[in-house]
Amino acid sequence: MIFDTAPAFRDALPNGGVLIGLDVGSKTVGTAFCDARWSFASPAELINRSKFSKDKARLTEIIASRDTKGIVVGFPLNMDGSGSPRSQSSKDFARNIIDMGLPILLW
């Protein structure tokens, strides 16, 4: 399920757990892991974008390397709060990984 509010996402994870953050770009996907108590995040692997199936396979491997409970996808907005082509791209990416079975927050 894709959430657009932090409280709803938090309610989907009542026991907390490790989160992976994704910074989805046109050439790379940056990853970072947040600890199970959601106190701090540390950078992880940078995925060089190629075919989506390869990107998703690598992302699956990275997620499996930790006991990951949720995904946070960076959702860039314009200064006035409106969407942009970049935010649409992030939303599309989130929709394409929804079958990974983890809750996703657009943030």
C-alpha atoms as a PDB file:
ATOM      1  CA  MET A   1       0.000   0.000   0.000  1.00  0.00           C
ATOM      2  CA  ILE A   2       1.205   3.523  -0.784  1.00  0.00           C
ATOM      3  CA  PHE A   3       0.712   6.190   1.886  1.00  0.00           C
ATOM      4  CA  ASP A   4       0.974   9.943   1.530  1.00  0.00           C
ATOM      5  CA  THR A   5       0.861  10.786   5.244  1.00  0.00           C
ATOM      6  CA  ALA A   6       3.382   9.786   7.892  1.00  0.00           C
ATOM      7  CA  PRO A   7       0.751   8.967  10.574  1.00  0.00           C
ATOM      8  CA  ALA A   8      -1.003   6.454   8.300  1.00  0.00           C
ATOM      9  CA  PHE A   9       2.339   4.899   7.361  1.00  0.00           C
ATOM     10  CA  ARG A  10       3.336   4.699  11.036  1.00  0.00           C
ATOM     11  CA  ASP A  11       0.009   3.013  11.856  1.00  0.00           C
ATOM     12  CA  ALA A  12       0.788   0.374   9.219  1.00  0.00           C
ATOM     13  CA  LEU A  13       4.015  -0.391  11.120  1.00  0.00           C
ATOM     14  CA  PRO A  14       2.923  -0.524  14.782  1.00  0.00           C
ATOM     15  CA  ASN A  15       6.111  -2.312  15.848  1.00  0.00           C
ATOM     16  CA  GLY A  16       8.469  -0.015  13.964  1.00  0.00           C
ATOM     17  CA  GLY A  17      11.258  -1.684  12.066  1.00  0.00           C
ATOM     18  CA  VAL A  18      14.030  -0.850   9.655  1.00  0.00           C
ATOM     19  CA  LEU A  19      13.054   1.464   6.790  1.00  0.00           C
ATOM     20  CA  ILE A  20      14.776   1.959   3.475  1.00  0.00           C
ATOM     21  CA  GLY A  21      14.736   5.428   1.949  1.00  0.00           C
ATOM     22  CA  LEU A  22      14.908   5.871  -1.802  1.00  0.00           C
ATOM     23  CA  ASP A  23      15.982   8.974  -3.692  1.00  0.00           C
ATOM     24  CA  VAL A  24      14.757   8.170  -7.178  1.00  0.00           C
ATOM     25  CA  GLY A  25      16.594   9.992  -9.925  1.00  0.00           C
ATOM     26  CA  SER A  26      16.741   9.558 -13.677  1.00  0.00           C
ATOM     27  CA  LYS A  27      20.268   8.080 -13.592  1.00  0.00           C
ATOM     28  CA  THR A  28      20.555   6.660 -10.068  1.00  0.00           C
ATOM     29  CA  VAL A  29      18.514   5.545  -7.076  1.00  0.00           C
ATOM     30  CA  GLY A  30      20.092   6.515  -3.789  1.00  0.00           C
ATOM     31  CA  THR A  31      19.344   4.276  -0.826  1.00  0.00           C
ATOM     32  CA  ALA A  32      19.618   4.761   2.919  1.00  0.00           C
ATOM     33  CA  PHE A  33      18.545   2.673   5.893  1.00  0.00           C
ATOM     34  CA  CYS A  34      16.842   3.982   9.014  1.00  0.00           C
ATOM     35  CA  ASP A  35      17.232   2.080  12.254  1.00  0.00           C
ATOM     36  CA  ALA A  36      14.315   0.124  13.744  1.00  0.00           C
ATOM     37  CA  ARG A  37      13.459   2.954  16.160  1.00  0.00           C
ATOM     38  CA  TRP A  38      13.460   5.548  13.368  1.00  0.00           C
ATOM     39  CA  SER A  39      16.101   7.671  15.089  1.00  0.00           C
ATOM     40  CA  PHE A  40      18.812   7.943  12.453  1.00  0.00           C
ATOM     41  CA  ALA A  41      19.522   7.006   8.849  1.00  0.00           C
ATOM     42  CA  SER A  42      22.731   5.969   7.153  1.00  0.00           C
ATOM     43  CA  PRO A  43      23.510   6.040   3.440  1.00  0.00           C
ATOM     44  CA  ALA A  44      23.632   2.719   1.655  1.00  0.00           C
ATOM     45  CA  GLU A  45      24.161   1.687  -1.950  1.00  0.00           C
ATOM     46  CA  LEU A  46      23.741   3.873  -5.011  1.00  0.00           C
ATOM     47  CA  ILE A  47      21.978   1.968  -7.780  1.00  0.00           C
ATOM     48  CA  ASN A  48      22.893   3.047 -11.311  1.00  0.00           C
ATOM     49  CA  ARG A  49      19.666   2.987 -13.288  1.00  0.00           C
ATOM     50  CA  SER A  50      19.383   0.638 -16.254  1.00  0.00           C
ATOM     51  CA  LYS A  51      16.413  -1.531 -17.162  1.00  0.00           C
ATOM     52  CA  PHE A  52      13.742  -1.337 -14.485  1.00  0.00           C
ATOM     53  CA  SER A  53      13.767  -5.113 -13.986  1.00  0.00           C
ATOM     54  CA  LYS A  54      17.491  -4.990 -13.122  1.00  0.00           C
ATOM     55  CA  ASP A  55      17.006  -1.980 -10.837  1.00  0.00           C
ATOM     56  CA  LYS A  56      14.152  -3.731  -9.028  1.00  0.00           C
ATOM     57  CA  ALA A  57      16.145  -6.951  -8.680  1.00  0.00           C
ATOM     58  CA  ARG A  58      19.035  -5.060  -7.075  1.00  0.00           C
ATOM     59  CA  LEU A  59      16.652  -3.164  -4.816  1.00  0.00           C
ATOM     60  CA  THR A  60      15.102  -6.485  -3.757  1.00  0.00           C
ATOM     61  CA  GLU A  61      18.563  -7.782  -2.832  1.00  0.00           C
ATOM     62  CA  ILE A  62      19.354  -4.644  -0.831  1.00  0.00           C
ATOM     63  CA  ILE A  63      16.034  -4.841   1.034  1.00  0.00           C
ATOM     64  CA  ALA A  64      16.585  -8.536   1.777  1.00  0.00           C
ATOM     65  CA  SER A  65      19.997  -7.755   3.286  1.00  0.00           C
ATOM     66  CA  ARG A  66      18.239  -6.104   6.267  1.00  0.00           C
ATOM     67  CA  ASP A  67      15.021  -6.883   8.108  1.00  0.00           C
ATOM     68  CA  THR A  68      13.286  -4.071   6.209  1.00  0.00           C
ATOM     69  CA  LYS A  69       9.695  -3.295   7.173  1.00  0.00           C
ATOM     70  CA  GLY A  70       8.880  -0.288   4.971  1.00  0.00           C
ATOM     71  CA  ILE A  71       9.978   1.921   2.093  1.00  0.00           C
ATOM     72  CA  VAL A  72      10.120   5.725   2.057  1.00  0.00           C
ATOM     73  CA  VAL A  73      10.305   7.217  -1.436  1.00  0.00           C
ATOM     74  CA  GLY A  74      11.438  10.822  -1.767  1.00  0.00           C
ATOM     75  CA  PHE A  75       8.578  12.861  -3.225  1.00  0.00           C
ATOM     76  CA  PRO A  76       9.921  16.212  -4.457  1.00  0.00           C
ATOM     77  CA  LEU A  77       7.433  19.058  -4.707  1.00  0.00           C
ATOM     78  CA  ASN A  78       7.687  22.547  -6.133  1.00  0.00           C
ATOM     79  CA  MET A  79       8.144  25.459  -3.722  1.00  0.00           C
ATOM     80  CA  ASP A  80       4.390  26.121  -3.862  1.00  0.00           C
ATOM     81  CA  GLY A  81       3.631  22.519  -2.860  1.00  0.00           C
ATOM     82  CA  SER A  82       2.485  21.454  -6.308  1.00  0.00           C
ATOM     83  CA  GLY A  83       3.667  18.353  -8.110  1.00  0.00           C
ATOM     84  CA  SER A  84       6.272  18.270 -10.827  1.00  0.00           C
ATOM     85  CA  PRO A  85       7.462  15.800 -13.476  1.00  0.00           C
ATOM     86  CA  ARG A  86      10.012  14.562 -10.901  1.00  0.00           C
ATOM     87  CA  SER A  87       7.290  13.897  -8.317  1.00  0.00           C
ATOM     88  CA  GLN A  88       5.266  12.011 -10.916  1.00  0.00           C
ATOM     89  CA  SER A  89       8.322   9.905 -11.687  1.00  0.00           C
ATOM     90  CA  SER A  90       8.731   9.077  -7.981  1.00  0.00           C
ATOM     91  CA  LYS A  91       5.059   8.150  -7.710  1.00  0.00           C
ATOM     92  CA  ASP A  92       5.358   5.909 -10.780  1.00  0.00           C
ATOM     93  CA  PHE A  93       8.411   4.208  -9.273  1.00  0.00           C
ATOM     94  CA  ALA A  94       6.488   3.573  -6.038  1.00  0.00           C
ATOM     95  CA  ARG A  95       3.620   2.037  -7.994  1.00  0.00           C
ATOM     96  CA  ASN A  96       6.062  -0.223  -9.819  1.00  0.00           C
ATOM     97  CA  ILE A  97       7.518  -1.612  -6.583  1.00  0.00           C
ATOM     98  CA  ILE A  98       4.250  -2.030  -4.671  1.00  0.00           C
ATOM     99  CA  ASP A  99       4.368  -5.771  -5.320  1.00  0.00           C
ATOM    100  CA  MET A 100       7.411  -6.019  -3.020  1.00  0.00           C
ATOM    101  CA  GLY A 101       4.862  -6.357  -0.236  1.00  0.00           C
ATOM    102  CA  LEU A 102       6.125  -3.522   1.976  1.00  0.00           C
ATOM    103  CA  PRO A 103       4.207  -0.368   2.863  1.00  0.00           C
ATOM    104  CA  ILE A 104       5.471   2.669   0.955  1.00  0.00           C
ATOM    105  CA  LEU A 105       5.435   6.287   2.082  1.00  0.00           C
ATOM    106  CA  LEU A 106       5.788   9.136  -0.422  1.00  0.00           C
ATOM    107  CA  TRP A 107       7.664  11.796   1.526  1.00  0.00           C
END
